[in-house]
């Protein structure tokens, strides 16, 4: 009889541990996974698409460099909106590993792009001038 009692107690304990873990994971994802969350994300995406489109069509920023920086800023904000509202990324999902991997990926991409632009700029400014081959003796 005590063996049966231990089996029931052990089984109940296992269910509690597994059920609690699964419930916590579902709560984290369920926070943003609502119709209201998707509608907020959709409306923000529409606004963050319409504003740059309006700026380009009306040519309200005359400098092309400034326009590029503004458009990149809107694109970066829209990426964050998509990650939060549609991909449900936050620091709690998967124990924070998805956020850590995203930060690492962004750091690697920034280093690669900045390094490539730096190398190309210095190659362009430090290259030897091309001589006209017809004037060579």
Protein backbone atom coordinates (compact mmCIF):
# COMPACT_ATOMS: atom_id res chain seq x y z
CA UNK A 1 0.00 0.00 0.00
CA UNK A 2 2.85 2.41 0.72
CA UNK A 3 4.37 1.58 -2.69
CA UNK A 4 1.14 2.63 -4.38
CA UNK A 5 1.09 5.85 -2.34
CA UNK A 6 4.67 6.68 -3.38
CA UNK A 7 3.81 6.06 -7.04
CA UNK A 8 0.82 8.39 -6.88
CA UNK A 9 2.78 11.04 -5.04
CA UNK A 10 5.70 10.83 -7.48
CA UNK A 11 3.37 10.98 -10.46
CA UNK A 12 1.55 14.00 -9.09
CA UNK A 13 4.85 15.76 -8.41
CA UNK A 14 6.04 15.13 -11.97
CA UNK A 15 2.83 16.50 -13.42
CA UNK A 16 3.08 19.63 -11.29
CA UNK A 17 6.66 20.34 -12.35
CA UNK A 18 5.97 19.78 -16.04
CA UNK A 19 2.63 21.56 -16.02
CA UNK A 20 4.04 24.62 -14.27
CA UNK A 21 6.91 24.92 -16.75
CA UNK A 22 4.65 24.62 -19.77
CA UNK A 23 2.16 27.11 -18.34
CA UNK A 24 4.87 29.73 -17.74
CA UNK A 25 6.16 29.40 -21.30
CA UNK A 26 2.66 29.74 -22.70
CA UNK A 27 2.01 32.85 -20.60
CA UNK A 28 5.08 34.65 -21.97
CA UNK A 29 4.06 33.99 -25.58
CA UNK A 30 0.38 34.68 -24.89
CA UNK A 31 1.10 38.18 -23.62
CA UNK A 32 1.44 39.66 -27.11
CA UNK A 33 -0.26 36.87 -29.09
CA UNK A 34 -3.72 38.46 -28.99
CA UNK A 35 -5.86 40.01 -31.68
CA UNK A 36 -5.30 43.40 -30.01
CA UNK A 37 -1.51 42.89 -30.14
CA UNK A 38 -1.62 41.95 -33.81
CA UNK A 39 -3.84 44.95 -34.62
CA UNK A 40 -1.50 47.33 -32.79
CA UNK A 41 1.47 45.87 -34.68
CA UNK A 42 -0.38 46.12 -37.99
CA UNK A 43 -1.40 49.74 -37.41
CA UNK A 44 2.13 50.69 -36.35
CA UNK A 45 3.50 48.98 -39.46
CA UNK A 46 1.08 50.91 -41.68
CA UNK A 47 2.02 54.21 -40.05
CA UNK A 48 5.75 53.44 -40.23
CA UNK A 49 5.35 52.65 -43.94
CA UNK A 50 3.08 55.60 -44.82
CA UNK A 51 5.25 58.31 -43.23
CA UNK A 52 8.45 57.49 -45.20
CA UNK A 53 6.38 57.03 -48.37
CA UNK A 54 4.87 60.48 -47.84
CA UNK A 55 8.30 62.01 -47.16
CA UNK A 56 9.73 60.56 -50.38
CA UNK A 57 6.73 61.44 -52.57
CA UNK A 58 6.54 65.06 -51.38
CA UNK A 59 10.34 65.46 -51.35
CA UNK A 60 9.99 67.26 -48.01
CA UNK A 61 13.66 66.58 -47.16
CA UNK A 62 15.87 68.09 -49.86
CA UNK A 63 19.18 66.51 -48.83
CA UNK A 64 19.50 62.94 -50.08
CA UNK A 65 21.84 62.01 -47.21
CA UNK A 66 19.35 63.29 -44.62
CA UNK A 67 16.52 61.49 -46.43
CA UNK A 68 18.50 58.25 -46.35
CA UNK A 69 19.18 58.58 -42.63
CA UNK A 70 15.49 59.30 -41.90
CA UNK A 71 14.38 56.31 -44.01
CA UNK A 72 16.89 54.03 -42.28
CA UNK A 73 15.60 55.25 -38.91
CA UNK A 74 12.01 54.42 -39.86
CA UNK A 75 13.16 51.02 -41.16
CA UNK A 76 14.94 50.25 -37.88
CA UNK A 77 11.84 51.17 -35.85
CA UNK A 78 9.69 49.00 -38.11
CA UNK A 79 12.05 46.04 -37.60
CA UNK A 80 11.63 46.42 -33.83
CA UNK A 81 7.83 46.63 -34.19
CA UNK A 82 7.77 43.43 -36.28
CA UNK A 83 10.01 41.59 -33.81
CA UNK A 84 7.92 42.59 -30.77
CA UNK A 85 4.38 42.33 -32.14
CA UNK A 86 4.67 39.57 -34.77
CA UNK A 87 7.69 37.47 -33.71
CA UNK A 88 6.91 37.98 -29.99
CA UNK A 89 10.56 38.55 -29.08
CA UNK A 90 11.34 39.86 -25.63
CA UNK A 91 13.90 39.12 -22.96
CA UNK A 92 11.71 36.37 -21.39
CA UNK A 93 11.18 34.15 -24.45
CA UNK A 94 13.41 31.04 -24.45
CA UNK A 95 15.14 32.19 -21.28
CA UNK A 96 16.54 35.28 -23.01
CA UNK A 97 18.61 33.30 -25.52
CA UNK A 98 16.69 34.56 -28.56
CA UNK A 99 17.34 38.16 -27.51
CA UNK A 100 21.01 37.42 -26.83
CA UNK A 101 21.40 35.79 -30.24
CA UNK A 102 19.70 38.77 -31.89
CA UNK A 103 22.07 41.21 -30.16
CA UNK A 104 25.07 39.11 -31.22
CA UNK A 105 23.81 38.97 -34.82
CA UNK A 106 23.31 42.75 -34.92
CA UNK A 107 26.81 43.32 -33.51
CA UNK A 108 28.39 41.02 -36.12
CA UNK A 109 26.48 42.69 -38.98
CA UNK A 110 27.43 46.19 -37.79
CA UNK A 111 31.10 45.20 -37.47
CA UNK A 112 31.10 43.61 -40.94
CA UNK A 113 29.35 46.55 -42.62
CA UNK A 114 31.42 49.22 -40.86
CA UNK A 115 34.64 47.33 -41.57
CA UNK A 116 33.76 46.84 -45.23
CA UNK A 117 32.88 50.49 -45.72
CA UNK A 118 36.05 51.56 -43.90
CA UNK A 119 38.24 49.30 -46.07
CA UNK A 120 36.56 50.41 -49.31
CA UNK A 121 36.86 54.09 -48.37
CA UNK A 122 40.57 53.75 -47.59
CA UNK A 123 41.21 51.69 -50.70
CA UNK A 124 39.53 54.36 -52.80
CA UNK A 125 41.44 57.24 -51.21
CA UNK A 126 44.85 55.47 -51.09
CA UNK A 127 44.89 53.82 -54.52
CA UNK A 128 47.61 54.86 -56.87
CA UNK A 129 46.35 57.08 -59.70
CA UNK A 130 45.75 55.33 -62.96
CA UNK A 131 48.19 56.58 -65.62
CA UNK A 132 47.45 56.80 -69.26
CA UNK A 133 49.25 53.81 -70.79
CA UNK A 134 49.79 55.67 -74.11
CA UNK A 135 52.15 58.20 -72.50
CA UNK A 136 54.50 55.55 -71.12
CA UNK A 137 57.94 55.32 -72.77
